[in-house]
Amino acid sequence: MSILNVENVSHDFGGRTILENASFRLLNGEHIGLVGANGEGKSTFLNIITGKLAPDSGKIEWCKRITTGYLDQHTVLKPGQTIYEVLQDAFKYYYDLEQEMLSMYEQMADCDDKTINKLMEEVGEIQEILDHGGFYTIDVKIKEVAGGLGLNDIGLDKPVDALSGGQRSKVLLTKLLLENPMILILDEPTNYLDENHISWLISFLQNYENAFILVSHDVSFLNKVINVIYHLEDGILTRYKGDYDYYLQQVELKKRQQVADYQKQQKEIADLEDFIARNKARVATRNMASSRQKKLDKMNLISKPKEKVKPVFSFLEARTPGKVLFECKDLVIGYDTPLTKPMNLVFERNKKIAIKGVNGLGKTTLLKTLIGMQKAYGGKVEKDPFVEIGFFEQEEVASSKKALDYLWEEFPDRNNGEIRAMLAKCGLTTDHIESLMKVLSGGENAKVRLCKIMNREANVLVLDEPTNHLDVDAKESLQSALKNYKGSVILVSHEPDFYLPIVDEVINLEDCSTKIV
């Protein structure tokens, strides 16, 4: 049964076509992956089907009594509640249904048999929804899902005002999963999750009985949880039955067929034009030439497959530093309380190191302490005086400047054309370059910030979750650039498929944590 139908939806934004006569259907129990390059409009499509944004034209139809849950990249928490109170709000829909059912029971005391029968049908429907939604095991479910995504380690009594951006995202995801909607809509849910919690989420989604629509650029994650792919490119949505790998095979086959059809038609056009040119002036063959011209005029032209503009990342190298870049002597990191035991670590020149561990242990704090953005809680960090750092921050306040001006401010000696060329190399179009940083998608924003680092000389790249939001092509290019980079790399990432081919060593911060993991 189709629970969502989208027919011929079109939408433009800022003079650019985001969707063009796009059609989409979601069947009960389908697990859909919505894929496409950064900036193609995936989040816009989700906002349209959830009613946050009105399309320019087209029709969107949902089944009656359907429940949806939507986690987008910009969802925020209201201050003044604890984590547990926020998670309890997940069941508000069911509490409201229970009140509606109790009200119906009260009405039955004073109505005729026909009305009672109708009310009993309504009560039966509501009771089934409550049972299916696990309304009578709320506390058990909260602890189970909160534990799976690591919130129990943070403390369910902790105020949401005191949480980091990544922790807030985790709370919102947990709340959404607890709601158990008939349609789950997730936009980049693995951002801010570590490997253990991603594994838990994979298991959860594999066993999810209801339908979901998922936006993710994590290929391994997608392959494990989805059974249908919708690909969005140039405003067109195309459906593929199967996992991500199957989708790639089908896209390649379709591209080859289109190339073959295009070449065949181009030859036919050339032959027709040659015949017309040679015969239109001769009386004996003029009718034949005219017939060929009519055939040419009626021909539906096959377009040549467009080559996607892929980002090309590369990093400039600064002068060679000393052998030891950072030496941590009895280093303890933290803010109000220590996050680690004393650590004695040495980061050497030309080494590429990944730092892993569950969220909340202080991976970002360690990076900031190494480069001097955060004071050590105890001990000290000795830094080589010739270290030149390129730092990619996981969370950065979105600028109100245009992408063009944001980069130009960093490189005032460059001209307009040079700045545009720098951004275009990172896979950004003219529309992206002239858009405000705060309205760009997460992936587009990350590409602009990577562009800033790329064009400054550095001998140590310190990267905090650089792949969050990046599309598949951008991640592949970034991985290749880091492999080829001759300097040192210190990298925090939750994607082993990304960092293992790059690094020489992996430091597990769990080994140094003061927390029980």
Protein backbone atom coordinates (compact mmCIF):
# COMPACT_ATOMS: atom_id res chain seq x y z
CA MET A 1 0.00 0.00 0.00
CA SER A 2 1.28 3.44 -0.90
CA ILE A 3 1.37 5.71 2.17
CA LEU A 4 2.87 8.73 0.43
CA ASN A 5 2.39 9.84 -3.18
CA VAL A 6 4.21 12.80 -4.73
CA GLU A 7 3.13 13.69 -8.26
CA ASN A 8 4.79 16.17 -10.64
CA VAL A 9 6.22 18.42 -7.94
CA SER A 10 8.30 21.37 -9.13
CA HIS A 11 10.15 23.91 -7.02
CA ASP A 12 12.56 26.74 -7.81
CA PHE A 13 14.76 28.61 -5.35
CA GLY A 14 16.67 31.75 -6.20
CA GLY A 15 16.16 31.23 -9.92
CA ARG A 16 17.49 27.67 -9.74
CA THR A 17 15.36 24.58 -10.42
CA ILE A 18 15.51 22.25 -7.41
CA LEU A 19 12.73 19.85 -8.46
CA GLU A 20 11.19 19.46 -11.91
CA ASN A 21 8.02 17.35 -12.26
CA ALA A 22 9.39 15.04 -9.57
CA SER A 23 7.33 12.00 -8.62
CA PHE A 24 7.87 9.74 -5.64
CA ARG A 25 6.02 6.99 -3.83
CA LEU A 26 6.57 5.36 -0.46
CA LEU A 27 5.11 1.93 0.20
CA ASN A 28 4.38 0.53 3.63
CA GLY A 29 7.55 -0.93 5.15
CA GLU A 30 9.93 0.43 2.49
CA HIS A 31 13.35 1.61 3.63
CA ILE A 32 14.34 4.35 1.19
CA GLY A 33 17.72 6.02 0.75
CA LEU A 34 17.53 9.50 -0.83
CA VAL A 35 20.89 10.21 -2.44
CA GLY A 36 22.50 12.92 -4.55
CA ALA A 37 25.38 15.37 -4.48
CA ASN A 38 25.56 18.22 -1.98
CA GLY A 39 23.22 21.04 -2.97
CA GLU A 40 20.97 18.96 -5.26
CA GLY A 41 17.95 19.61 -3.02
CA LYS A 42 17.50 16.51 -0.85
CA SER A 43 16.71 18.52 2.29
CA THR A 44 14.40 20.78 0.25
CA PHE A 45 12.48 17.72 -0.95
CA LEU A 46 12.10 16.48 2.64
CA ASN A 47 10.87 19.91 3.74
CA ILE A 48 8.28 19.87 0.94
CA ILE A 49 6.84 16.43 1.75
CA THR A 50 6.67 17.27 5.47
CA GLY A 51 4.85 20.54 4.79
CA LYS A 52 7.63 22.85 5.97
CA LEU A 53 7.92 24.25 2.46
CA ALA A 54 5.23 24.70 -0.21
CA PRO A 55 6.12 23.51 -3.73
CA ASP A 56 5.54 25.74 -6.74
CA SER A 57 3.34 23.06 -8.31
CA GLY A 58 2.39 19.40 -7.96
CA LYS A 59 0.48 17.21 -5.54
CA ILE A 60 1.46 15.53 -2.26
CA GLU A 61 -0.90 12.97 -0.69
CA TRP A 62 -0.44 11.22 2.65
CA CYS A 63 -2.54 8.36 4.03
CA LYS A 64 -5.00 9.29 6.76
CA ARG A 65 -3.93 8.91 10.42
CA ILE A 66 -0.30 8.65 9.36
CA THR A 67 2.38 9.65 11.88
CA THR A 68 5.69 11.09 10.70
CA GLY A 69 8.91 11.90 12.48
CA TYR A 70 11.44 14.22 10.85
CA LEU A 71 15.00 14.89 11.99
CA ASP A 72 16.66 17.49 9.79
CA GLN A 73 20.08 19.16 9.95
CA HIS A 74 18.69 22.27 11.66
CA THR A 75 16.31 20.87 14.32
CA VAL A 76 16.86 22.50 17.71
CA LEU A 77 15.96 21.71 21.32
CA LYS A 78 13.98 24.05 23.53
CA PRO A 79 15.90 25.00 26.69
CA GLY A 80 14.61 24.35 30.21
CA GLN A 81 14.20 20.57 30.11
CA THR A 82 16.31 17.59 31.11
CA ILE A 83 17.19 14.91 28.57
CA TYR A 84 14.66 12.56 30.16
CA GLU A 85 11.86 15.13 29.94
CA VAL A 86 12.61 15.69 26.25
CA LEU A 87 12.48 11.93 25.63
CA GLN A 88 9.16 11.67 27.48
CA ASP A 89 7.75 14.24 25.04
CA ALA A 90 8.21 11.59 22.35
CA PHE A 91 5.03 9.96 23.61
CA LYS A 92 2.86 13.11 23.66
CA TYR A 93 0.95 11.88 20.60
CA TYR A 94 0.00 8.69 22.45
CA TYR A 95 -0.94 10.55 25.65
CA ASP A 96 -3.24 12.75 23.56
CA LEU A 97 -4.73 9.65 21.92
CA GLU A 98 -5.32 8.09 25.33
CA GLN A 99 -7.21 11.22 26.44
CA GLU A 100 -9.26 11.08 23.23
CA MET A 101 -10.09 7.42 23.93
CA LEU A 102 -11.09 8.13 27.56
CA SER A 103 -13.32 10.93 26.33
CA MET A 104 -15.03 8.49 23.96
CA TYR A 105 -15.69 6.09 26.84
CA GLU A 106 -17.36 8.94 28.73
CA GLN A 107 -19.53 9.72 25.68
CA MET A 108 -20.72 6.09 25.56
CA ALA A 109 -22.53 6.55 28.87
CA ASP A 110 -25.13 8.73 27.23
CA CYS A 111 -25.71 7.88 23.55
CA ASP A 112 -27.66 5.47 21.31
CA ASP A 113 -26.46 2.05 20.06
CA LYS A 114 -25.47 3.36 16.63
CA THR A 115 -23.21 6.02 18.15
CA ILE A 116 -21.76 3.50 20.62
CA ASN A 117 -20.82 1.16 17.77
CA LYS A 118 -19.13 4.00 15.92
CA LEU A 119 -17.26 5.09 19.05
CA MET A 120 -16.19 1.48 19.71
CA GLU A 121 -14.65 1.32 16.24
CA GLU A 122 -12.75 4.54 16.94
CA VAL A 123 -11.63 3.25 20.35
CA GLY A 124 -10.45 0.00 18.74
CA GLU A 125 -8.34 1.92 16.22
CA ILE A 126 -6.79 4.09 18.93
CA GLN A 127 -6.10 1.09 21.19
CA GLU A 128 -4.32 -0.67 18.33
CA ILE A 129 -2.14 2.42 17.74
CA LEU A 130 -1.29 2.61 21.47
CA ASP A 131 -0.38 -1.07 21.62
CA HIS A 132 1.71 -0.93 18.46
CA GLY A 133 3.49 2.22 19.64
CA GLY A 134 4.57 0.62 22.93
CA PHE A 135 2.63 3.14 25.02
CA TYR A 136 2.51 0.85 28.05
CA THR A 137 6.28 0.25 28.21
CA ILE A 138 7.46 3.85 27.95
CA ASP A 139 10.13 3.84 30.69
CA VAL A 140 11.69 0.61 29.44
CA LYS A 141 11.86 1.93 25.88
CA ILE A 142 13.40 5.25 26.95
CA LYS A 143 16.25 3.52 28.78
CA GLU A 144 16.81 1.02 25.96
CA VAL A 145 17.04 3.54 23.11
CA ALA A 146 18.88 6.14 25.20
CA GLY A 147 21.43 3.45 26.09
CA GLY A 148 21.83 2.39 22.46
CA LEU A 149 22.76 5.93 21.40
CA GLY A 150 24.92 6.70 24.45
CA LEU A 151 22.67 9.13 26.32
CA ASN A 152 22.83 7.10 29.53
CA ASP A 153 26.57 7.90 29.63
CA ILE A 154 25.80 11.63 29.49
CA GLY A 155 23.11 11.34 32.19
CA LEU A 156 19.37 11.56 31.52
CA ASP A 157 18.96 14.17 34.26
CA LYS A 158 21.36 16.58 32.53
CA PRO A 159 19.75 19.85 31.29
CA VAL A 160 19.69 20.14 27.50
CA ASP A 161 21.04 23.70 27.83
CA ALA A 162 24.39 22.22 28.93
CA LEU A 163 24.79 19.88 25.93
CA SER A 164 27.13 20.26 22.97
CA GLY A 165 25.71 20.49 19.45
CA GLY A 166 26.51 16.84 18.81
CA GLN A 167 24.86 15.74 22.06
CA ARG A 168 21.73 17.75 21.23
CA SER A 169 21.53 16.01 17.84
CA LYS A 170 21.78 12.67 19.62
CA VAL A 171 18.91 13.60 22.00
CA LEU A 172 16.72 14.64 19.05
CA LEU A 173 17.46 11.39 17.22
CA THR A 174 16.67 9.33 20.33
CA LYS A 175 13.39 11.19 20.83
CA LEU A 176 12.43 10.58 17.22
CA LEU A 177 13.17 6.84 17.38
CA LEU A 178 11.11 6.59 20.57
CA GLU A 179 8.15 8.17 18.78
CA ASN A 180 8.14 5.12 16.46
CA PRO A 181 6.32 6.99 13.67
CA MET A 182 4.76 5.20 10.71
CA ILE A 183 7.18 7.15 8.53
CA LEU A 184 10.62 8.02 9.86
CA ILE A 185 12.49 10.77 7.98
CA LEU A 186 16.19 11.12 8.81
CA ASP A 187 18.58 13.67 7.33
CA GLU A 188 22.20 12.66 8.02
CA PRO A 189 21.47 10.75 11.27
CA THR A 190 25.02 9.36 11.67
CA ASN A 191 26.59 12.80 12.06
CA TYR A 192 27.78 13.13 15.67
CA LEU A 193 27.41 9.38 16.29
CA ASP A 194 30.48 7.26 17.02
CA GLU A 195 31.06 3.79 15.59
CA ASN A 196 29.35 1.89 18.43
CA HIS A 197 26.20 3.97 18.22
CA ILE A 198 26.11 3.77 14.41
CA SER A 199 26.19 -0.04 14.76
CA TRP A 200 23.27 0.16 17.18
CA LEU A 201 21.34 2.45 14.80
CA ILE A 202 21.99 0.04 11.90
CA SER A 203 20.46 -2.80 13.90
CA PHE A 204 17.51 -0.61 14.90
CA LEU A 205 16.75 0.43 11.31
CA GLN A 206 17.22 -3.10 9.94
CA ASN A 207 14.47 -4.25 12.30
CA TYR A 208 12.26 -1.18 11.89
CA GLU A 209 8.85 -2.45 10.80
CA ASN A 210 7.60 0.88 9.48
CA ALA A 211 8.78 2.88 6.48
CA PHE A 212 11.61 5.36 6.53
CA ILE A 213 13.31 7.86 4.22
CA LEU A 214 16.98 8.34 4.89
CA VAL A 215 19.48 10.91 3.59
CA SER A 216 23.08 9.81 4.13
CA HIS A 217 26.42 9.90 2.34
CA ASP A 218 27.75 6.93 4.32
CA VAL A 219 27.71 4.15 1.70
CA SER A 220 28.40 1.32 4.15
CA PHE A 221 25.56 2.53 6.38
CA LEU A 222 23.13 2.87 3.46
CA ASN A 223 23.89 -0.61 2.11
CA LYS A 224 23.02 -2.18 5.45
CA VAL A 225 19.65 -0.53 6.05
CA ILE A 226 17.86 0.42 2.80
CA ASN A 227 16.09 -1.55 0.06
CA VAL A 228 15.12 1.29 -2.34
CA ILE A 229 17.18 4.21 -3.66
CA TYR A 230 15.82 7.51 -4.98
CA HIS A 231 18.50 9.51 -6.79
CA LEU A 232 18.05 13.29 -7.09
CA GLU A 233 20.02 15.04 -9.82
CA ASP A 234 19.21 18.16 -11.84
CA GLY A 235 15.74 18.29 -10.31
CA ILE A 236 14.84 14.74 -11.42
CA LEU A 237 14.03 11.90 -9.00
CA THR A 238 14.79 8.36 -10.21
CA ARG A 239 13.78 5.20 -8.35
CA TYR A 240 16.00 2.09 -8.08
CA LYS A 241 14.95 -1.10 -6.27
CA GLY A 242 17.87 -2.45 -4.25
CA ASP A 243 20.78 -1.23 -2.16
CA TYR A 244 23.33 1.50 -2.94
CA ASP A 245 25.76 -0.81 -4.73
CA TYR A 246 22.97 -2.03 -7.03
CA TYR A 247 21.97 1.57 -7.70
CA LEU A 248 25.54 2.40 -8.77
CA GLN A 249 25.54 -0.56 -11.18
CA GLN A 250 22.22 0.55 -12.70
CA VAL A 251 23.38 4.17 -13.05
CA GLU A 252 26.52 3.01 -14.85
CA LEU A 253 24.50 0.75 -17.18
CA LYS A 254 22.06 3.57 -17.91
CA LYS A 255 24.91 5.97 -18.63
CA ARG A 256 26.58 3.53 -21.03
CA GLN A 257 23.29 2.94 -22.84
CA GLN A 258 22.67 6.69 -23.11
CA VAL A 259 26.18 7.22 -24.51
CA ALA A 260 25.62 4.42 -27.07
CA ASP A 261 22.20 5.81 -28.04
CA TYR A 262 23.62 9.35 -28.29
CA GLN A 263 26.50 8.26 -30.53
CA LYS A 264 24.17 6.20 -32.73
CA GLN A 265 21.80 9.13 -33.14
CA GLN A 266 24.63 11.58 -33.85
CA LYS A 267 25.82 9.30 -36.66
CA GLU A 268 22.28 9.09 -38.02
CA ILE A 269 21.95 12.90 -37.89
CA ALA A 270 25.29 13.32 -39.67
CA ASP A 271 24.24 10.85 -42.38
CA LEU A 272 20.87 12.61 -42.87
CA GLU A 273 22.47 16.06 -43.01
CA ASP A 274 25.07 14.81 -45.50
CA PHE A 275 22.34 13.28 -47.72
CA ILE A 276 20.23 16.47 -47.57
CA ALA A 277 23.21 18.69 -48.42
CA ARG A 278 24.13 16.54 -51.43
CA ASN A 279 20.62 16.03 -52.82
CA LYS A 280 18.40 19.04 -52.01
CA ALA A 281 19.57 21.00 -55.09
CA ARG A 282 19.02 18.15 -57.58
CA VAL A 283 15.53 17.90 -59.07
CA ALA A 284 15.63 14.10 -59.22
CA THR A 285 16.42 13.69 -55.53
CA ARG A 286 14.81 16.83 -54.08
CA ASN A 287 11.76 14.93 -52.67
CA MET A 288 14.01 12.34 -51.04
CA ALA A 289 16.04 15.14 -49.44
CA SER A 290 12.85 16.80 -48.25
CA SER A 291 11.68 13.52 -46.71
CA ARG A 292 15.00 13.19 -44.87
CA GLN A 293 14.66 16.78 -43.63
CA LYS A 294 11.20 16.05 -42.18
CA LYS A 295 12.59 13.00 -40.41
CA LEU A 296 15.41 15.11 -39.01
CA ASP A 297 13.01 17.84 -37.81
CA LYS A 298 10.79 15.32 -35.98
CA MET A 299 13.66 13.54 -34.28
CA ASN A 300 13.68 13.55 -30.43
CA LEU A 301 17.24 14.49 -29.66
CA ILE A 302 19.10 12.38 -27.12
CA SER A 303 21.29 14.48 -24.84
CA LYS A 304 24.85 13.53 -24.09
CA PRO A 305 25.29 12.39 -20.46
CA LYS A 306 26.59 15.28 -18.40
CA GLU A 307 29.83 14.78 -16.57
CA LYS A 308 29.35 15.62 -12.90
CA VAL A 309 31.56 18.37 -11.53
CA LYS A 310 33.55 16.59 -8.84
CA PRO A 311 35.45 18.43 -6.13
CA VAL A 312 39.23 18.24 -6.24
CA PHE A 313 40.87 18.73 -2.85
CA SER A 314 44.60 19.23 -2.32
CA PHE A 315 46.59 20.81 0.49
CA LEU A 316 49.57 23.16 0.35
CA GLU A 317 52.60 22.16 2.40
CA ALA A 318 54.48 24.54 4.69
CA ARG A 319 58.16 24.32 5.65
CA THR A 320 59.30 21.15 7.42
CA PRO A 321 58.87 21.33 11.22
CA GLY A 322 60.90 19.49 13.87
CA LYS A 323 60.61 15.76 14.41
CA VAL A 324 58.22 16.09 17.38
CA LEU A 325 55.18 18.24 16.62
CA PHE A 326 53.31 17.89 19.92
CA GLU A 327 54.48 16.23 23.11
CA CYS A 328 51.87 15.72 25.82
CA LYS A 329 53.36 15.39 29.32
CA ASP A 330 50.90 14.10 31.90
CA LEU A 331 48.22 15.92 29.92
CA VAL A 332 44.71 15.96 31.37
CA ILE A 333 41.99 17.51 29.21
CA GLY A 334 38.67 18.92 30.40
CA TYR A 335 36.75 22.02 31.37
CA ASP A 336 35.15 22.02 34.83
CA THR A 337 36.11 18.39 35.46
CA PRO A 338 38.85 16.16 34.02
CA LEU A 339 37.87 14.02 31.03
CA THR A 340 41.01 11.86 30.98
CA LYS A 341 43.72 10.37 33.12
CA PRO A 342 47.20 11.89 32.64
CA MET A 343 48.32 11.16 29.07
CA ASN A 344 51.84 10.99 27.68
CA LEU A 345 51.52 11.20 23.90
CA VAL A 346 53.96 12.09 21.15
CA PHE A 347 52.82 13.28 17.69
CA GLU A 348 55.69 13.06 15.21
CA ARG A 349 56.34 14.69 11.86
CA ASN A 350 54.79 13.02 8.78
CA LYS A 351 52.63 10.69 10.86
CA LYS A 352 48.91 10.42 10.13
CA ILE A 353 46.87 9.61 13.22
CA ALA A 354 43.16 9.01 13.83
CA ILE A 355 41.57 9.60 17.22
CA LYS A 356 38.52 7.49 18.01
CA GLY A 357 36.24 6.81 20.97
CA VAL A 358 32.61 7.14 21.99
CA ASN A 359 31.09 10.61 22.08
CA GLY A 360 31.64 12.73 25.17
CA LEU A 361 35.18 11.49 25.95
CA GLY A 362 36.82 14.68 24.72
CA LYS A 363 38.11 13.99 21.19
CA THR A 364 37.38 17.57 20.10
CA THR A 365 38.74 18.89 23.41
CA LEU A 366 41.99 16.99 22.82
CA LEU A 367 42.40 18.53 19.35
CA LYS A 368 41.76 22.04 20.68
CA THR A 369 44.15 21.50 23.58
CA LEU A 370 46.91 20.31 21.22
CA ILE A 371 46.67 23.41 19.01
CA GLY A 372 46.25 25.87 21.90
CA MET A 373 42.58 26.78 21.52
CA GLN A 374 41.80 25.21 24.91
CA LYS A 375 43.89 25.27 28.10
CA ALA A 376 45.02 21.96 29.53
CA TYR A 377 43.16 20.88 32.67
CA GLY A 378 46.44 19.41 33.93
CA GLY A 379 49.90 18.71 32.59
CA LYS A 380 51.12 20.43 29.45
CA VAL A 381 51.54 20.28 25.67
CA GLU A 382 54.89 21.23 24.15
CA LYS A 383 54.50 22.37 20.53
CA ASP A 384 57.24 22.71 17.92
CA PRO A 385 57.66 26.42 17.05
CA PHE A 386 57.57 25.71 13.31
CA VAL A 387 54.20 23.93 13.33
CA GLU A 388 51.75 25.50 10.86
CA ILE A 389 48.23 24.22 11.49
CA GLY A 390 45.26 23.84 9.17
CA PHE A 391 42.27 23.30 11.48
CA PHE A 392 38.83 22.10 10.38
CA GLU A 393 36.31 22.64 13.16
CA GLN A 394 33.37 20.24 13.47
CA GLU A 395 30.97 22.93 14.63
CA GLU A 396 31.34 26.46 13.33
CA VAL A 397 28.79 29.25 13.66
CA ALA A 398 27.33 29.80 10.18
CA SER A 399 28.42 33.12 8.72
CA SER A 400 25.96 35.68 7.35
CA LYS A 401 28.39 36.45 4.52
CA LYS A 402 28.19 35.05 1.02
CA ALA A 403 30.54 32.12 0.38
CA LEU A 404 32.45 34.38 -2.04
CA ASP A 405 32.93 37.13 0.57
CA TYR A 406 33.69 34.63 3.35
CA LEU A 407 36.68 33.29 1.40
CA TRP A 408 37.69 36.67 -0.02
CA GLU A 409 37.98 38.01 3.53
CA GLU A 410 40.52 35.25 4.20
CA PHE A 411 42.47 35.97 0.99
CA PRO A 412 42.10 39.72 0.32
CA ASP A 413 45.08 39.74 -2.07
CA ARG A 414 43.21 37.53 -4.59
CA ASN A 415 40.85 38.90 -7.23
CA ASN A 416 37.21 37.94 -7.82
CA GLY A 417 38.02 35.40 -10.52
CA GLU A 418 40.69 33.69 -8.41
CA ILE A 419 38.35 33.34 -5.43
CA ARG A 420 35.62 31.87 -7.64
CA ALA A 421 38.11 29.42 -9.17
CA MET A 422 39.23 28.30 -5.70
CA LEU A 423 35.63 27.58 -4.68
CA ALA A 424 34.75 25.94 -8.00
CA LYS A 425 37.67 23.53 -7.53
CA CYS A 426 35.89 22.32 -4.37
CA GLY A 427 32.78 21.42 -6.40
CA LEU A 428 30.78 24.60 -5.74
CA THR A 429 28.64 26.13 -8.48
CA THR A 430 27.98 29.83 -9.13
CA ASP A 431 24.71 29.52 -7.17
CA HIS A 432 26.57 28.16 -4.14
CA ILE A 433 29.36 30.75 -4.40
CA GLU A 434 26.87 33.62 -4.38
CA SER A 435 24.72 32.20 -1.55
CA LEU A 436 24.97 33.10 2.13
CA MET A 437 27.01 30.61 4.17
CA LYS A 438 24.11 30.15 6.58
CA VAL A 439 21.70 29.00 3.83
CA LEU A 440 24.10 26.51 2.25
CA SER A 441 23.61 22.83 2.97
CA GLY A 442 25.93 21.23 5.50
CA GLY A 443 28.02 19.70 2.72
CA GLU A 444 28.34 22.93 0.74
CA ASN A 445 29.31 24.80 3.89
CA ALA A 446 31.98 22.20 4.69
CA LYS A 447 33.44 22.52 1.18
CA VAL A 448 33.83 26.29 1.61
CA ARG A 449 35.60 25.81 4.95
CA LEU A 450 37.86 23.11 3.47
CA CYS A 451 38.66 25.52 0.63
CA LYS A 452 39.97 28.01 3.19
CA ILE A 453 42.32 25.38 4.68
CA MET A 454 43.41 24.10 1.26
CA ASN A 455 44.75 27.45 0.19
CA ARG A 456 46.93 28.15 3.24
CA GLU A 457 50.25 26.43 3.72
CA ALA A 458 50.26 23.94 6.61
CA ASN A 459 52.46 21.12 7.83
CA VAL A 460 49.86 19.69 10.23
CA LEU A 461 46.20 19.19 9.30
CA VAL A 462 43.95 18.88 12.36
CA LEU A 463 40.52 17.75 11.17
CA ASP A 464 37.50 17.26 13.44
CA GLU A 465 34.86 15.10 11.70
CA PRO A 466 35.53 16.58 8.23
CA THR A 467 33.27 14.07 6.42
CA ASN A 468 30.07 15.09 8.22
CA HIS A 469 27.66 16.20 5.45
CA LEU A 470 30.11 15.61 2.57
CA ASP A 471 28.73 13.67 -0.40
CA VAL A 472 30.37 10.49 -1.69
CA ASP A 473 32.49 12.18 -4.39
CA ALA A 474 33.73 14.83 -1.96
CA LYS A 475 34.69 12.19 0.62
CA GLU A 476 36.60 10.20 -1.99
CA SER A 477 38.48 13.32 -3.10
CA LEU A 478 39.27 14.33 0.48
CA GLN A 479 40.53 10.84 1.28
CA SER A 480 42.78 10.90 -1.77
CA ALA A 481 44.10 14.37 -0.88
CA LEU A 482 44.97 13.30 2.68
CA LYS A 483 46.73 10.17 1.40
CA ASN A 484 48.87 12.29 -0.94
CA TYR A 485 49.56 15.04 1.62
CA LYS A 486 53.23 14.94 2.70
CA GLY A 487 52.63 16.65 6.04
CA SER A 488 51.09 15.29 9.25
CA VAL A 489 47.40 14.61 9.85
CA ILE A 490 45.52 14.35 13.16
CA LEU A 491 41.98 13.27 12.39
CA VAL A 492 38.78 12.62 14.34
CA SER A 493 36.24 10.59 12.39
CA HIS A 494 33.46 8.08 13.03
CA GLU A 495 33.92 6.44 9.61
CA PRO A 496 36.57 3.66 9.62
CA ASP A 497 36.10 3.21 5.86
CA PHE A 498 37.30 6.80 5.47
CA TYR A 499 40.22 7.01 7.91
CA LEU A 500 41.76 3.51 7.97
CA PRO A 501 43.23 3.77 4.43
CA ILE A 502 44.83 7.11 5.41
CA VAL A 503 46.34 6.75 8.88
CA ASP A 504 49.42 5.05 10.33
CA GLU A 505 48.02 4.82 13.85
CA VAL A 506 44.70 4.95 15.69
CA ILE A 507 44.50 6.35 19.23
CA ASN A 508 41.47 5.13 21.20
CA LEU A 509 40.64 7.83 23.74
CA GLU A 510 38.58 5.29 25.70
CA ASP A 511 41.87 3.89 27.03
CA CYS A 512 42.62 7.22 28.74
CA SER A 513 39.09 8.20 29.80
CA THR A 514 38.01 8.78 33.39
CA LYS A 515 34.55 7.52 32.40
CA ILE A 516 33.38 3.93 32.46
CA VAL A 517 32.88 2.97 28.80
